[in-house]
């Protein structure tokens, strides 16, 4: 499933500016189509799981 910035923000329960910050700072996996960003949900899930793993939290603690 392909998602927009707004979709990702809603999915992660954050503000869209947080998604833009994650793109810049944390290498959120996405790609640009013209002037807009697009993301695959499976990539967002993997990115979140990887970040939880590197922070020492258990994957079971993350619920999308």
Protein backbone atom coordinates (compact mmCIF):
# COMPACT_ATOMS: atom_id res chain seq x y z
CA UNK A 1 0.00 0.00 0.00
CA UNK A 2 1.40 3.40 -0.97
CA UNK A 3 1.05 6.25 1.53
CA UNK A 4 1.44 10.04 1.52
CA UNK A 5 2.99 12.24 4.23
CA UNK A 6 -0.47 12.72 5.75
CA UNK A 7 -1.16 8.96 5.67
CA UNK A 8 2.14 8.19 7.41
CA UNK A 9 1.50 10.89 10.02
CA UNK A 10 -1.95 9.47 10.75
CA UNK A 11 -0.61 5.91 10.80
CA UNK A 12 2.15 6.81 13.27
CA UNK A 13 -0.07 9.23 15.19
CA UNK A 14 2.32 12.16 14.74
CA UNK A 15 2.20 15.59 13.10
CA UNK A 16 3.20 15.74 9.40
CA UNK A 17 6.19 17.95 10.31
CA UNK A 18 7.49 15.04 12.39
CA UNK A 19 7.40 12.86 9.28
CA UNK A 20 9.39 15.47 7.33
CA UNK A 21 11.91 15.62 10.18
CA UNK A 22 12.20 11.82 10.12
CA UNK A 23 12.89 11.95 6.38
CA UNK A 24 15.73 14.42 6.94
CA UNK A 25 17.25 13.05 10.14
CA UNK A 26 16.34 9.38 10.45
CA UNK A 27 16.28 8.25 6.82
CA UNK A 28 12.60 7.38 6.77
CA UNK A 29 12.27 5.16 3.68
CA UNK A 30 10.36 6.95 0.97
CA UNK A 31 10.68 8.45 -2.47
CA UNK A 32 9.63 11.63 -4.20
CA UNK A 33 7.16 11.81 -7.04
CA UNK A 34 7.35 15.32 -8.41
CA UNK A 35 6.91 17.50 -5.33
CA UNK A 36 5.29 14.93 -3.03
CA UNK A 37 6.64 12.08 -0.93
CA UNK A 38 5.36 8.50 -1.12
CA UNK A 39 5.98 5.56 1.19
CA UNK A 40 5.20 1.87 1.26
CA UNK A 41 3.54 0.72 4.47
CA UNK A 42 5.78 -2.36 4.73
CA UNK A 43 8.84 -0.07 4.63
CA UNK A 44 7.39 2.14 7.37
CA UNK A 45 6.69 -0.93 9.51
CA UNK A 46 10.25 -2.22 8.98
CA UNK A 47 11.72 1.21 9.76
CA UNK A 48 9.75 1.43 13.01
CA UNK A 49 10.70 -2.09 14.04
CA UNK A 50 14.38 -1.40 13.31
CA UNK A 51 14.33 1.80 15.37
CA UNK A 52 12.72 -0.01 18.29
CA UNK A 53 15.37 -2.72 18.03
CA UNK A 54 18.24 -0.22 18.10
CA UNK A 55 16.74 1.70 21.04
CA UNK A 56 16.50 -1.45 23.11
CA UNK A 57 12.71 -1.61 23.26
CA UNK A 58 10.97 -4.85 22.45
CA UNK A 59 9.17 -5.11 19.13
CA UNK A 60 6.07 -6.29 20.95
CA UNK A 61 5.82 -2.83 22.54
CA UNK A 62 5.13 -1.21 19.16
CA UNK A 63 1.56 -1.27 17.97
CA UNK A 64 0.76 0.56 14.69
